[in-house]
Amino acid sequence: MAVCLVALLAGTWLLSGALVAGTAPLAVAAGRTAVCCLTLTAVAASTASGRADLRRAAARPGTVWLLGLLGFAGYAAGTLLAIPRIGTSLTNLVVALMPCFAVAIGALFFGERSGARQMGGAALAAAAAAGYAALGADAGDLDPVGLLLAAAATAGFAVYGFLYRGRLSGLPPLAVLPVLLGAASAVLLPMALPSLLSDPPTAAQAWGIVLLGAVIYAPAYLVQHRLILRTGPVFTAAVQLAVPFTVRLGDWSLGTAPPPSAAEVALLAVCCAGIALVTLPARRAKSGIRAQDGLAEGR
């Protein structure tokens, strides 16, 4: 599941990068969110149990609006508004610190205590991803407002992971996501309206946004949220650090970028090592639980 998540998220970056080259970023964000919402709603509403779960999720408006803002609208707006101020590389550098945000926020506000190995792995993977982003960063892009926007978006998504697992874990992601994405769309669409009216997307760009939201983002969000429920926000954030490197390899394979440099390959190896430190303890713990279950069954 972790490998699937990385591949899907890498696909979102590759297609989003192609779309924002000729379309306003907020228009892409609002469009992909709305299309993803409609797609998942149609799937969830296709069964009686799915419709019942949708109603249960919608019956918690306070939680829906809070999580829709933190996890989708706020994160998308914060990062997209940061990019013109500090550039893509520095924005990705701040987002790369997500595991560290998750470890700190979990310990301070949610009673989550990560082990030394997990904290060290998160810090190592984040440092490698940040180093990778710094390779393309420009010191002249150090704008305080832009850095604050990116940091606020990253911290908000870290909080979202814990709140989602704590408040909505009793409902399947397929029922929760359409409702949260609907709230996020209600926030993002008015923000994107001026650019949509002044420079509407072409037919090809519109179909690209539909493809992005329905075919790539919809399964990516489902896998991401199932992983959060199964393994926790820190694990999921650490796994996602492999995405920038996967995008880099994708650009190379598509012929849009030269081969990775020695420094990029070295940072990729360090990042993978850090991710392994975060993920391996979870696997061992799971194996231990299975072993205990087996002993119990034998008794």
C-alpha atoms as a PDB file:
ATOM      1  CA  MET A   1       0.000   0.000   0.000  1.00  0.00           C
ATOM      2  CA  ALA A   2       2.863   2.394   0.784  1.00  0.00           C
ATOM      3  CA  VAL A   3       4.448   1.832  -2.639  1.00  0.00           C
ATOM      4  CA  CYS A   4       1.068   2.390  -4.301  1.00  0.00           C
ATOM      5  CA  LEU A   5       0.649   5.682  -2.422  1.00  0.00           C
ATOM      6  CA  VAL A   6       4.068   6.955  -3.515  1.00  0.00           C
ATOM      7  CA  ALA A   7       3.379   6.044  -7.158  1.00  0.00           C
ATOM      8  CA  LEU A   8      -0.033   7.749  -7.146  1.00  0.00           C
ATOM      9  CA  LEU A   9       1.208  10.921  -5.442  1.00  0.00           C
ATOM     10  CA  ALA A  10       4.136  11.102  -7.848  1.00  0.00           C
ATOM     11  CA  GLY A  11       1.594  10.944 -10.681  1.00  0.00           C
ATOM     12  CA  THR A  12      -0.336  13.856  -9.170  1.00  0.00           C
ATOM     13  CA  TRP A  13       2.820  16.006  -9.106  1.00  0.00           C
ATOM     14  CA  LEU A  14       3.767  15.136 -12.678  1.00  0.00           C
ATOM     15  CA  LEU A  15       0.312  15.904 -14.086  1.00  0.00           C
ATOM     16  CA  SER A  16      -0.235  18.932 -11.835  1.00  0.00           C
ATOM     17  CA  GLY A  17       3.102  20.354 -12.959  1.00  0.00           C
ATOM     18  CA  ALA A  18       2.040  20.047 -16.581  1.00  0.00           C
ATOM     19  CA  LEU A  19      -1.334  21.657 -15.900  1.00  0.00           C
ATOM     20  CA  VAL A  20      -0.184  24.653 -13.846  1.00  0.00           C
ATOM     21  CA  ALA A  21       2.231  25.587 -16.637  1.00  0.00           C
ATOM     22  CA  GLY A  22      -0.774  26.953 -18.541  1.00  0.00           C
ATOM     23  CA  THR A  23      -3.544  27.145 -15.915  1.00  0.00           C
ATOM     24  CA  ALA A  24      -3.898  29.158 -12.704  1.00  0.00           C
ATOM     25  CA  PRO A  25      -2.765  27.005  -9.727  1.00  0.00           C
ATOM     26  CA  LEU A  26      -5.875  27.763  -7.671  1.00  0.00           C
ATOM     27  CA  ALA A  27      -8.067  26.768 -10.614  1.00  0.00           C
ATOM     28  CA  VAL A  28      -6.256  23.431 -10.826  1.00  0.00           C
ATOM     29  CA  ALA A  29      -6.558  22.910  -7.063  1.00  0.00           C
ATOM     30  CA  ALA A  30     -10.264  23.755  -6.995  1.00  0.00           C
ATOM     31  CA  GLY A  31     -11.002  21.726 -10.114  1.00  0.00           C
ATOM     32  CA  ARG A  32      -9.188  18.589  -9.010  1.00  0.00           C
ATOM     33  CA  THR A  33     -10.816  18.790  -5.555  1.00  0.00           C
ATOM     34  CA  ALA A  34     -14.328  19.191  -6.954  1.00  0.00           C
ATOM     35  CA  VAL A  35     -13.879  16.412  -9.537  1.00  0.00           C
ATOM     36  CA  CYS A  36     -12.411  14.093  -6.918  1.00  0.00           C
ATOM     37  CA  CYS A  37     -15.358  14.870  -4.629  1.00  0.00           C
ATOM     38  CA  LEU A  38     -17.902  14.065  -7.358  1.00  0.00           C
ATOM     39  CA  THR A  39     -16.096  10.847  -8.298  1.00  0.00           C
ATOM     40  CA  LEU A  40     -15.886   9.481  -4.762  1.00  0.00           C
ATOM     41  CA  THR A  41     -19.459  10.584  -4.008  1.00  0.00           C
ATOM     42  CA  ALA A  42     -20.733   8.648  -7.013  1.00  0.00           C
ATOM     43  CA  VAL A  43     -18.862   5.523  -5.927  1.00  0.00           C
ATOM     44  CA  ALA A  44     -19.974   5.782  -2.286  1.00  0.00           C
ATOM     45  CA  ALA A  45     -23.604   6.510  -3.213  1.00  0.00           C
ATOM     46  CA  SER A  46     -23.810   3.464  -5.489  1.00  0.00           C
ATOM     47  CA  THR A  47     -24.678   1.198  -2.525  1.00  0.00           C
ATOM     48  CA  ALA A  48     -27.183   1.494   0.315  1.00  0.00           C
ATOM     49  CA  SER A  49     -24.486   1.072   2.960  1.00  0.00           C
ATOM     50  CA  GLY A  50     -22.378   3.731   1.262  1.00  0.00           C
ATOM     51  CA  ARG A  51     -25.260   6.199   1.283  1.00  0.00           C
ATOM     52  CA  ALA A  52     -25.838   5.506   4.973  1.00  0.00           C
ATOM     53  CA  ASP A  53     -22.151   6.129   5.725  1.00  0.00           C
ATOM     54  CA  LEU A  54     -22.248   9.393   3.762  1.00  0.00           C
ATOM     55  CA  ARG A  55     -25.153  10.573   5.892  1.00  0.00           C
ATOM     56  CA  ARG A  56     -23.301   9.608   9.075  1.00  0.00           C
ATOM     57  CA  ALA A  57     -20.233  11.562   7.982  1.00  0.00           C
ATOM     58  CA  ALA A  58     -22.267  14.619   6.977  1.00  0.00           C
ATOM     59  CA  ALA A  59     -23.984  14.568  10.377  1.00  0.00           C
ATOM     60  CA  ARG A  60     -20.784  15.951  11.942  1.00  0.00           C
ATOM     61  CA  PRO A  61     -20.603  19.429  10.359  1.00  0.00           C
ATOM     62  CA  GLY A  62     -18.093  20.876  12.819  1.00  0.00           C
ATOM     63  CA  THR A  63     -15.604  18.086  12.215  1.00  0.00           C
ATOM     64  CA  VAL A  64     -16.255  18.129   8.462  1.00  0.00           C
ATOM     65  CA  TRP A  65     -15.511  21.831   8.043  1.00  0.00           C
ATOM     66  CA  LEU A  66     -12.470  21.724  10.331  1.00  0.00           C
ATOM     67  CA  LEU A  67     -10.883  18.753   8.577  1.00  0.00           C
ATOM     68  CA  GLY A  68     -11.883  19.970   5.123  1.00  0.00           C
ATOM     69  CA  LEU A  69     -10.081  23.240   5.836  1.00  0.00           C
ATOM     70  CA  LEU A  70      -6.959  21.724   7.427  1.00  0.00           C
ATOM     71  CA  GLY A  71      -6.430  18.726   5.184  1.00  0.00           C
ATOM     72  CA  PHE A  72      -7.541  19.999   1.798  1.00  0.00           C
ATOM     73  CA  ALA A  73      -8.457  23.662   1.323  1.00  0.00           C
ATOM     74  CA  GLY A  74      -5.895  25.107   3.743  1.00  0.00           C
ATOM     75  CA  TYR A  75      -3.091  22.831   2.632  1.00  0.00           C
ATOM     76  CA  ALA A  76      -3.705  23.436  -1.084  1.00  0.00           C
ATOM     77  CA  ALA A  77      -4.112  27.205  -0.702  1.00  0.00           C
ATOM     78  CA  GLY A  78      -1.134  27.580   1.633  1.00  0.00           C
ATOM     79  CA  THR A  79       1.304  25.675  -0.547  1.00  0.00           C
ATOM     80  CA  LEU A  80       0.073  27.142  -3.835  1.00  0.00           C
ATOM     81  CA  LEU A  81       0.214  30.707  -2.484  1.00  0.00           C
ATOM     82  CA  ALA A  82       3.692  30.044  -1.082  1.00  0.00           C
ATOM     83  CA  ILE A  83       5.144  28.914  -4.421  1.00  0.00           C
ATOM     84  CA  PRO A  84       5.043  32.379  -6.110  1.00  0.00           C
ATOM     85  CA  ARG A  85       6.790  33.875  -3.055  1.00  0.00           C
ATOM     86  CA  ILE A  86       9.501  31.330  -2.262  1.00  0.00           C
ATOM     87  CA  GLY A  87       9.543  29.022  -5.264  1.00  0.00           C
ATOM     88  CA  THR A  88       8.690  25.349  -5.660  1.00  0.00           C
ATOM     89  CA  SER A  89      11.931  24.054  -4.161  1.00  0.00           C
ATOM     90  CA  LEU A  90      11.672  25.942  -0.874  1.00  0.00           C
ATOM     91  CA  THR A  91       7.982  25.099  -0.600  1.00  0.00           C
ATOM     92  CA  ASN A  92       8.827  21.419  -1.015  1.00  0.00           C
ATOM     93  CA  LEU A  93      11.626  21.844   1.536  1.00  0.00           C
ATOM     94  CA  VAL A  94       9.123  23.017   4.150  1.00  0.00           C
ATOM     95  CA  VAL A  95       6.634  20.279   3.226  1.00  0.00           C
ATOM     96  CA  ALA A  96       9.477  17.750   3.547  1.00  0.00           C
ATOM     97  CA  LEU A  97       9.508  18.496   7.275  1.00  0.00           C
ATOM     98  CA  MET A  98       6.036  16.937   7.617  1.00  0.00           C
ATOM     99  CA  PRO A  99       7.251  13.886   9.635  1.00  0.00           C
ATOM    100  CA  CYS A 100       8.994  16.176  12.118  1.00  0.00           C
ATOM    101  CA  PHE A 101       5.827  18.277  12.426  1.00  0.00           C
ATOM    102  CA  ALA A 102       3.826  15.071  12.954  1.00  0.00           C
ATOM    103  CA  VAL A 103       6.165  13.734  15.649  1.00  0.00           C
ATOM    104  CA  ALA A 104       6.171  17.060  17.526  1.00  0.00           C
ATOM    105  CA  ILE A 105       2.423  17.727  17.219  1.00  0.00           C
ATOM    106  CA  GLY A 106       1.563  14.158  18.168  1.00  0.00           C
ATOM    107  CA  ALA A 107       3.696  14.360  21.294  1.00  0.00           C
ATOM    108  CA  LEU A 108       2.511  17.833  22.349  1.00  0.00           C
ATOM    109  CA  PHE A 109      -1.222  17.648  21.664  1.00  0.00           C
ATOM    110  CA  PHE A 110      -2.319  14.056  21.049  1.00  0.00           C
ATOM    111  CA  GLY A 111      -0.363  11.983  23.546  1.00  0.00           C
ATOM    112  CA  GLU A 112       1.526  10.162  20.787  1.00  0.00           C
ATOM    113  CA  ARG A 113       4.956   8.971  21.890  1.00  0.00           C
ATOM    114  CA  SER A 114       7.246   7.919  19.067  1.00  0.00           C
ATOM    115  CA  GLY A 115      10.271   5.749  19.795  1.00  0.00           C
ATOM    116  CA  ALA A 116      13.831   6.973  19.356  1.00  0.00           C
ATOM    117  CA  ARG A 117      14.226   4.926  16.172  1.00  0.00           C
ATOM    118  CA  GLN A 118      11.064   6.349  14.643  1.00  0.00           C
ATOM    119  CA  MET A 119      11.948   9.936  15.561  1.00  0.00           C
ATOM    120  CA  GLY A 120      15.489   9.525  14.257  1.00  0.00           C
ATOM    121  CA  GLY A 121      14.253   7.985  11.017  1.00  0.00           C
ATOM    122  CA  ALA A 122      11.722  10.772  10.485  1.00  0.00           C
ATOM    123  CA  ALA A 123      14.394  13.409  11.080  1.00  0.00           C
ATOM    124  CA  LEU A 124      16.875  11.655   8.760  1.00  0.00           C
ATOM    125  CA  ALA A 125      14.352  11.227   5.942  1.00  0.00           C
ATOM    126  CA  ALA A 126      13.132  14.808   6.321  1.00  0.00           C
ATOM    127  CA  ALA A 127      16.718  16.139   6.264  1.00  0.00           C
ATOM    128  CA  ALA A 128      17.451  14.223   3.063  1.00  0.00           C
ATOM    129  CA  ALA A 129      14.253  15.450   1.385  1.00  0.00           C
ATOM    130  CA  ALA A 130      14.982  19.001   2.544  1.00  0.00           C
ATOM    131  CA  GLY A 131      18.520  18.715   1.197  1.00  0.00           C
ATOM    132  CA  TYR A 132      17.133  17.586  -2.127  1.00  0.00           C
ATOM    133  CA  ALA A 133      14.781  20.583  -2.256  1.00  0.00           C
ATOM    134  CA  ALA A 134      17.659  22.887  -1.280  1.00  0.00           C
ATOM    135  CA  LEU A 135      19.599  21.802  -4.372  1.00  0.00           C
ATOM    136  CA  GLY A 136      17.158  23.792  -6.497  1.00  0.00           C
ATOM    137  CA  ALA A 137      16.414  26.549  -4.013  1.00  0.00           C
ATOM    138  CA  ASP A 138      17.364  30.172  -4.519  1.00  0.00           C
ATOM    139  CA  ALA A 139      18.553  32.123  -1.482  1.00  0.00           C
ATOM    140  CA  GLY A 140      16.759  35.155  -2.893  1.00  0.00           C
ATOM    141  CA  ASP A 141      13.442  33.346  -2.412  1.00  0.00           C
ATOM    142  CA  LEU A 142      13.593  33.595   1.399  1.00  0.00           C
ATOM    143  CA  ASP A 143      10.338  35.505   1.873  1.00  0.00           C
ATOM    144  CA  PRO A 144       8.997  35.355   5.467  1.00  0.00           C
ATOM    145  CA  VAL A 145       5.332  35.395   4.431  1.00  0.00           C
ATOM    146  CA  GLY A 146       5.878  32.612   1.910  1.00  0.00           C
ATOM    147  CA  LEU A 147       7.740  30.486   4.458  1.00  0.00           C
ATOM    148  CA  LEU A 148       4.955  31.092   6.996  1.00  0.00           C
ATOM    149  CA  LEU A 149       2.277  30.051   4.487  1.00  0.00           C
ATOM    150  CA  ALA A 150       4.109  26.813   3.660  1.00  0.00           C
ATOM    151  CA  ALA A 151       4.793  26.058   7.330  1.00  0.00           C
ATOM    152  CA  ALA A 152       1.174  26.737   8.319  1.00  0.00           C
ATOM    153  CA  ALA A 153      -0.096  24.453   5.548  1.00  0.00           C
ATOM    154  CA  THR A 154       2.303  21.678   6.579  1.00  0.00           C
ATOM    155  CA  ALA A 155       1.471  21.970  10.269  1.00  0.00           C
ATOM    156  CA  GLY A 156      -2.236  22.066   9.453  1.00  0.00           C
ATOM    157  CA  PHE A 157      -2.032  18.813   7.504  1.00  0.00           C
ATOM    158  CA  ALA A 158      -0.064  17.187  10.321  1.00  0.00           C
ATOM    159  CA  VAL A 159      -2.843  18.135  12.760  1.00  0.00           C
ATOM    160  CA  TYR A 160      -5.398  16.883  10.236  1.00  0.00           C
ATOM    161  CA  GLY A 161      -3.896  13.389  10.259  1.00  0.00           C
ATOM    162  CA  PHE A 162      -4.322  13.009  14.011  1.00  0.00           C
ATOM    163  CA  LEU A 163      -7.821  14.551  14.089  1.00  0.00           C
ATOM    164  CA  TYR A 164      -8.981  12.394  11.179  1.00  0.00           C
ATOM    165  CA  ARG A 165      -7.789   9.205  12.850  1.00  0.00           C
ATOM    166  CA  GLY A 166      -9.232  10.261  16.214  1.00  0.00           C
ATOM    167  CA  ARG A 167     -12.649  11.549  15.119  1.00  0.00           C
ATOM    168  CA  LEU A 168     -13.589   9.687  11.934  1.00  0.00           C
ATOM    169  CA  SER A 169     -11.832   6.335  12.202  1.00  0.00           C
ATOM    170  CA  GLY A 170     -15.202   4.626  12.710  1.00  0.00           C
ATOM    171  CA  LEU A 171     -16.243   5.472   9.155  1.00  0.00           C
ATOM    172  CA  PRO A 172     -14.669   4.137   5.930  1.00  0.00           C
ATOM    173  CA  PRO A 173     -12.541   6.645   3.980  1.00  0.00           C
ATOM    174  CA  LEU A 174     -14.838   6.231   0.979  1.00  0.00           C
ATOM    175  CA  ALA A 175     -17.659   7.789   3.018  1.00  0.00           C
ATOM    176  CA  VAL A 176     -15.589  10.452   4.768  1.00  0.00           C
ATOM    177  CA  LEU A 177     -13.579  11.792   1.844  1.00  0.00           C
ATOM    178  CA  PRO A 178     -16.501  12.963  -0.355  1.00  0.00           C
ATOM    179  CA  VAL A 179     -17.878  15.005   2.537  1.00  0.00           C
ATOM    180  CA  LEU A 180     -14.500  16.542   3.424  1.00  0.00           C
ATOM    181  CA  LEU A 181     -13.710  17.257  -0.224  1.00  0.00           C
ATOM    182  CA  GLY A 182     -17.133  18.862  -0.625  1.00  0.00           C
ATOM    183  CA  ALA A 183     -16.352  21.272   2.222  1.00  0.00           C
ATOM    184  CA  ALA A 184     -12.918  21.986   0.738  1.00  0.00           C
ATOM    185  CA  SER A 185     -14.455  22.640  -2.695  1.00  0.00           C
ATOM    186  CA  ALA A 186     -16.842  25.164  -1.152  1.00  0.00           C
ATOM    187  CA  VAL A 187     -13.788  27.073   0.145  1.00  0.00           C
ATOM    188  CA  LEU A 188     -11.525  26.707  -2.898  1.00  0.00           C
ATOM    189  CA  LEU A 189     -13.991  27.428  -5.711  1.00  0.00           C
ATOM    190  CA  PRO A 190     -14.676  31.073  -4.674  1.00  0.00           C
ATOM    191  CA  MET A 191     -10.923  31.610  -4.355  1.00  0.00           C
ATOM    192  CA  ALA A 192     -10.373  30.267  -7.874  1.00  0.00           C
ATOM    193  CA  LEU A 193     -13.358  32.036  -9.462  1.00  0.00           C
ATOM    194  CA  PRO A 194     -11.526  35.248 -10.521  1.00  0.00           C
ATOM    195  CA  SER A 195      -8.864  33.290 -12.426  1.00  0.00           C
ATOM    196  CA  LEU A 196     -11.470  30.969 -13.931  1.00  0.00           C
ATOM    197  CA  LEU A 197     -13.452  33.947 -15.244  1.00  0.00           C
ATOM    198  CA  SER A 198     -10.455  35.934 -16.494  1.00  0.00           C
ATOM    199  CA  ASP A 199      -8.576  33.013 -18.038  1.00  0.00           C
ATOM    200  CA  PRO A 200     -10.774  29.907 -18.338  1.00  0.00           C
ATOM    201  CA  PRO A 201      -8.981  26.617 -19.052  1.00  0.00           C
ATOM    202  CA  THR A 202      -9.021  25.208 -22.554  1.00  0.00           C
ATOM    203  CA  ALA A 203     -10.856  21.978 -23.353  1.00  0.00           C
ATOM    204  CA  ALA A 204      -7.582  20.034 -23.137  1.00  0.00           C
ATOM    205  CA  GLN A 205      -6.734  21.607 -19.767  1.00  0.00           C
ATOM    206  CA  ALA A 206     -10.236  20.920 -18.449  1.00  0.00           C
ATOM    207  CA  TRP A 207      -9.966  17.248 -19.420  1.00  0.00           C
ATOM    208  CA  GLY A 208      -6.553  17.172 -17.764  1.00  0.00           C
ATOM    209  CA  ILE A 209      -8.083  18.451 -14.519  1.00  0.00           C
ATOM    210  CA  VAL A 210     -10.842  15.827 -14.767  1.00  0.00           C
ATOM    211  CA  LEU A 211      -8.219  13.111 -15.274  1.00  0.00           C
ATOM    212  CA  LEU A 212      -6.186  14.429 -12.360  1.00  0.00           C
ATOM    213  CA  GLY A 213      -9.124  14.511  -9.948  1.00  0.00           C
ATOM    214  CA  ALA A 214     -10.973  11.338 -10.961  1.00  0.00           C
ATOM    215  CA  VAL A 215      -8.247   8.906 -11.996  1.00  0.00           C
ATOM    216  CA  ILE A 216      -5.247   9.900  -9.881  1.00  0.00           C
ATOM    217  CA  TYR A 217      -6.324  11.926  -6.838  1.00  0.00           C
ATOM    218  CA  ALA A 218      -9.375   9.809  -5.954  1.00  0.00           C
ATOM    219  CA  PRO A 219      -7.429   6.536  -5.483  1.00  0.00           C
ATOM    220  CA  ALA A 220      -4.467   8.439  -3.987  1.00  0.00           C
ATOM    221  CA  TYR A 221      -6.651   9.937  -1.244  1.00  0.00           C
ATOM    222  CA  LEU A 222      -8.265   6.560  -0.505  1.00  0.00           C
ATOM    223  CA  VAL A 223      -4.906   4.825  -0.133  1.00  0.00           C
ATOM    224  CA  GLN A 224      -3.459   7.712   1.896  1.00  0.00           C
ATOM    225  CA  HIS A 225      -6.321   7.728   4.397  1.00  0.00           C
ATOM    226  CA  ARG A 226      -6.391   3.961   4.768  1.00  0.00           C
ATOM    227  CA  LEU A 227      -2.680   4.123   5.513  1.00  0.00           C
ATOM    228  CA  ILE A 228      -3.244   6.844   8.135  1.00  0.00           C
ATOM    229  CA  LEU A 229      -5.843   4.651   9.867  1.00  0.00           C
ATOM    230  CA  ARG A 230      -3.655   1.538   9.753  1.00  0.00           C
ATOM    231  CA  THR A 231      -0.221   2.944  10.529  1.00  0.00           C
ATOM    232  CA  GLY A 232      -0.653   6.506  11.797  1.00  0.00           C
ATOM    233  CA  PRO A 233       0.223  10.003  10.521  1.00  0.00           C
ATOM    234  CA  VAL A 234       3.984   9.774  11.217  1.00  0.00           C
ATOM    235  CA  PHE A 235       4.387   6.566   9.208  1.00  0.00           C
ATOM    236  CA  THR A 236       2.343   7.970   6.312  1.00  0.00           C
ATOM    237  CA  ALA A 237       4.224  11.281   6.296  1.00  0.00           C
ATOM    238  CA  ALA A 238       7.578   9.464   6.239  1.00  0.00           C
ATOM    239  CA  VAL A 239       6.531   7.259   3.331  1.00  0.00           C
ATOM    240  CA  GLN A 240       5.428  10.307   1.342  1.00  0.00           C
ATOM    241  CA  LEU A 241       8.958  11.733   1.486  1.00  0.00           C
ATOM    242  CA  ALA A 242       9.839   9.322  -1.320  1.00  0.00           C
ATOM    243  CA  VAL A 243       7.470  11.203  -3.649  1.00  0.00           C
ATOM    244  CA  PRO A 244       9.830  14.048  -4.744  1.00  0.00           C
ATOM    245  CA  PHE A 245      12.508  11.527  -5.662  1.00  0.00           C
ATOM    246  CA  THR A 246       9.974   9.415  -7.560  1.00  0.00           C
ATOM    247  CA  VAL A 247       8.869  12.501  -9.473  1.00  0.00           C
ATOM    248  CA  ARG A 248      12.515  13.227 -10.314  1.00  0.00           C
ATOM    249  CA  LEU A 249      12.973   9.711 -11.670  1.00  0.00           C
ATOM    250  CA  GLY A 250       9.698  10.074 -13.584  1.00  0.00           C
ATOM    251  CA  ASP A 251      10.912  13.283 -15.215  1.00  0.00           C
ATOM    252  CA  TRP A 252      14.110  11.501 -16.214  1.00  0.00           C
ATOM    253  CA  SER A 253      12.247   8.532 -17.673  1.00  0.00           C
ATOM    254  CA  LEU A 254       9.956  10.871 -19.640  1.00  0.00           C
ATOM    255  CA  GLY A 255      12.945  12.709 -21.064  1.00  0.00           C
ATOM    256  CA  THR A 256      12.032  16.046 -19.484  1.00  0.00           C
ATOM    257  CA  ALA A 257      15.074  16.130 -17.174  1.00  0.00           C
ATOM    258  CA  PRO A 258      18.689  14.856 -17.233  1.00  0.00           C
ATOM    259  CA  PRO A 259      19.765  11.798 -15.201  1.00  0.00           C
ATOM    260  CA  PRO A 260      19.932  12.311 -11.398  1.00  0.00           C
ATOM    261  CA  SER A 261      23.234  13.652 -10.130  1.00  0.00           C
ATOM    262  CA  ALA A 262      25.422  11.821  -7.623  1.00  0.00           C
ATOM    263  CA  ALA A 263      24.167  14.143  -4.873  1.00  0.00           C
ATOM    264  CA  GLU A 264      20.528  13.392  -5.731  1.00  0.00           C
ATOM    265  CA  VAL A 265      21.178   9.632  -5.719  1.00  0.00           C
ATOM    266  CA  ALA A 266      22.960   9.902  -2.359  1.00  0.00           C
ATOM    267  CA  LEU A 267      20.087  11.884  -0.842  1.00  0.00           C
ATOM    268  CA  LEU A 268      17.608   9.347  -2.212  1.00  0.00           C
ATOM    269  CA  ALA A 269      19.518   6.552  -0.458  1.00  0.00           C
ATOM    270  CA  VAL A 270      19.584   8.490   2.830  1.00  0.00           C
ATOM    271  CA  CYS A 271      15.867   9.259   2.550  1.00  0.00           C
ATOM    272  CA  CYS A 272      15.057   5.578   1.938  1.00  0.00           C
ATOM    273  CA  ALA A 273      17.145   4.639   4.974  1.00  0.00           C
ATOM    274  CA  GLY A 274      15.218   7.108   7.127  1.00  0.00           C
ATOM    275  CA  ILE A 275      11.876   5.831   5.840  1.00  0.00           C
ATOM    276  CA  ALA A 276      12.990   2.276   6.650  1.00  0.00           C
ATOM    277  CA  LEU A 277      13.775   3.291  10.231  1.00  0.00           C
ATOM    278  CA  VAL A 278      10.231   4.645  10.598  1.00  0.00           C
ATOM    279  CA  THR A 279       8.434   1.761   8.902  1.00  0.00           C
ATOM    280  CA  LEU A 280      10.346  -1.322  10.067  1.00  0.00           C
ATOM    281  CA  PRO A 281       9.341  -1.029  13.748  1.00  0.00           C
ATOM    282  CA  ALA A 282       5.672  -0.947  12.689  1.00  0.00           C
ATOM    283  CA  ARG A 283       6.132  -4.141  10.692  1.00  0.00           C
ATOM    284  CA  ARG A 284       7.874  -5.844  13.571  1.00  0.00           C
ATOM    285  CA  ALA A 285       5.152  -4.808  15.962  1.00  0.00           C
ATOM    286  CA  LYS A 286       2.569  -6.223  13.582  1.00  0.00           C
ATOM    287  CA  SER A 287       4.515  -9.480  13.349  1.00  0.00           C
ATOM    288  CA  GLY A 288       4.650  -9.635  17.128  1.00  0.00           C
ATOM    289  CA  ILE A 289       0.889  -9.205  17.371  1.00  0.00           C
ATOM    290  CA  ARG A 290       0.370 -12.006  14.882  1.00  0.00           C
ATOM    291  CA  ALA A 291       2.715 -14.245  16.844  1.00  0.00           C
ATOM    292  CA  GLN A 292       0.792 -13.543  20.049  1.00  0.00           C
ATOM    293  CA  ASP A 293      -2.477 -14.277  18.292  1.00  0.00           C
ATOM    294  CA  GLY A 294      -1.058 -17.550  17.086  1.00  0.00           C
ATOM    295  CA  LEU A 295      -0.034 -18.524  20.611  1.00  0.00           C
ATOM    296  CA  ALA A 296      -3.464 -17.611  21.892  1.00  0.00           C
ATOM    297  CA  GLU A 297      -5.115 -19.747  19.244  1.00  0.00           C
ATOM    298  CA  GLY A 298      -2.818 -22.634  20.112  1.00  0.00           C
ATOM    299  CA  ARG A 299      -3.892 -22.417  23.716  1.00  0.00           C
END
